[in-house]
Structure formats: structure tokens, C-alpha cells
Amino acid sequence: MASITIRNLDDDIKRRLRVRAAEHGRSMEEEAREILRDVVGDTRPPMNLAHRLRARAERIGGVDLDLPARDAIRTPSAFDQ
């Protein structure tokens, strides 16, 4: 297992971590591990760009776009003749 050291941690953050750990009946170290698991250890697949854009548009009620008509597909060139 890896280990890390966190330097220059604000006293208020350390105090809140200690209080939170006590509320959950854990050590400060175990509480920090649990917070990191919750935040960084998320195993959900990342949303792709299209899903992110769709989610953002849904928050404002959606967006209607005028889509241009498509042309017919061109016939591919034949290089064997």
C-alpha cells in the first residue's frame, strides 16, 4: 500500500477532519482514507462530451437546434477501372 504526507494543512481543516472522524468512530487517518475513496475512488464510467453537453443543456430547459437537411451519400470512387 502507498502512503502520502499532507503538508501545510489548515488548522481548521485538521480540526474538522478530527471532529468528522470522531463522529464516525474512526481515526483521522481512516477518515481521510474514506473521504479519498468516496471522491477519487469513484468507479463510474466517465461521461463523454455529448452526455456532459446534454446534461448542461437540460439544466436550462434544453436547447432546440435547427438541423440542416442532409444530402444523399455520394457513390464511392472506383479505383479498379
Protein backbone atom coordinates (compact mmCIF):
# COMPACT_ATOMS: atom_id res chain seq x y z
CA MET A 1 0.00 0.00 0.00
CA ALA A 2 1.11 3.54 -0.73
CA SER A 3 1.26 6.36 1.76
CA ILE A 4 1.19 10.14 1.45
CA THR A 5 2.05 13.11 3.63
CA ILE A 6 -0.07 16.25 3.53
CA ARG A 7 1.87 19.37 4.42
CA ASN A 8 0.56 22.88 5.15
CA LEU A 9 -2.92 21.68 6.06
CA ASP A 10 -5.01 24.48 7.54
CA ASP A 11 -5.64 24.07 11.26
CA ASP A 12 -9.39 24.44 10.68
CA ILE A 13 -9.41 21.60 8.11
CA LYS A 14 -7.49 19.37 10.50
CA ARG A 15 -9.92 20.19 13.33
CA ARG A 16 -12.94 19.44 11.11
CA LEU A 17 -11.36 16.17 9.99
CA ARG A 18 -10.78 15.21 13.63
CA VAL A 19 -14.41 16.04 14.53
CA ARG A 20 -15.75 14.17 11.49
CA ALA A 21 -13.62 11.15 12.32
CA ALA A 22 -14.88 11.15 15.92
CA GLU A 23 -18.49 11.35 14.68
CA HIS A 24 -17.90 8.25 12.55
CA GLY A 25 -15.90 6.41 15.22
CA ARG A 26 -12.73 6.35 13.11
CA SER A 27 -9.21 7.63 13.34
CA MET A 28 -8.34 10.78 11.40
CA GLU A 29 -6.23 8.67 9.06
CA GLU A 30 -9.07 6.25 8.36
CA GLU A 31 -11.48 9.16 7.88
CA ALA A 32 -9.11 10.73 5.33
CA ARG A 33 -8.87 7.38 3.52
CA GLU A 34 -12.65 7.10 3.43
CA ILE A 35 -13.00 10.64 2.04
CA LEU A 36 -10.43 9.87 -0.65
CA ARG A 37 -12.21 6.60 -1.52
CA ASP A 38 -15.50 8.45 -1.87
CA VAL A 39 -14.09 11.23 -4.04
CA VAL A 40 -11.23 9.70 -6.02
CA GLY A 41 -12.14 6.06 -5.92
CA ASP A 42 -15.33 6.58 -7.93
CA THR A 43 -15.52 3.74 -10.45
CA ARG A 44 -18.40 5.09 -12.52
CA PRO A 45 -17.51 5.37 -16.18
CA PRO A 46 -16.73 8.97 -17.12
CA MET A 47 -19.37 10.81 -19.09
CA ASN A 48 -18.39 11.59 -22.64
CA LEU A 49 -18.59 15.10 -24.05
CA ALA A 50 -22.01 14.58 -25.63
CA HIS A 51 -23.51 13.45 -22.31
CA ARG A 52 -21.97 16.40 -20.48
CA LEU A 53 -23.30 18.88 -23.02
CA ARG A 54 -26.75 17.27 -22.92
CA ALA A 55 -26.79 17.39 -19.10
CA ARG A 56 -25.77 21.05 -19.13
CA ALA A 57 -28.50 21.93 -21.65
CA GLU A 58 -31.12 20.04 -19.63
CA ARG A 59 -30.37 22.22 -16.60
CA ILE A 60 -31.51 25.31 -18.52
CA GLY A 61 -34.54 23.64 -20.05
CA GLY A 62 -32.97 22.24 -23.18
CA VAL A 63 -31.96 23.77 -26.48
CA ASP A 64 -33.70 23.42 -29.83
CA LEU A 65 -31.38 23.37 -32.81
CA ASP A 66 -32.31 23.70 -36.47
CA LEU A 67 -30.64 20.79 -38.19
CA PRO A 68 -29.86 21.25 -41.88
CA ALA A 69 -31.15 18.69 -44.35
CA ARG A 70 -28.63 16.04 -45.31
CA ASP A 71 -27.57 15.34 -48.86
CA ALA A 72 -27.60 11.86 -50.28
CA ILE A 73 -24.46 9.79 -49.71
CA ARG A 74 -22.03 10.05 -52.59
CA THR A 75 -21.15 6.95 -54.54
CA PRO A 76 -17.60 5.95 -53.66
CA SER A 77 -14.93 6.23 -56.31
CA ALA A 78 -13.90 3.04 -58.06
CA PHE A 79 -10.13 2.79 -58.48
CA ASP A 80 -10.09 -0.62 -60.15
CA GLN A 81 -11.13 0.67 -63.60
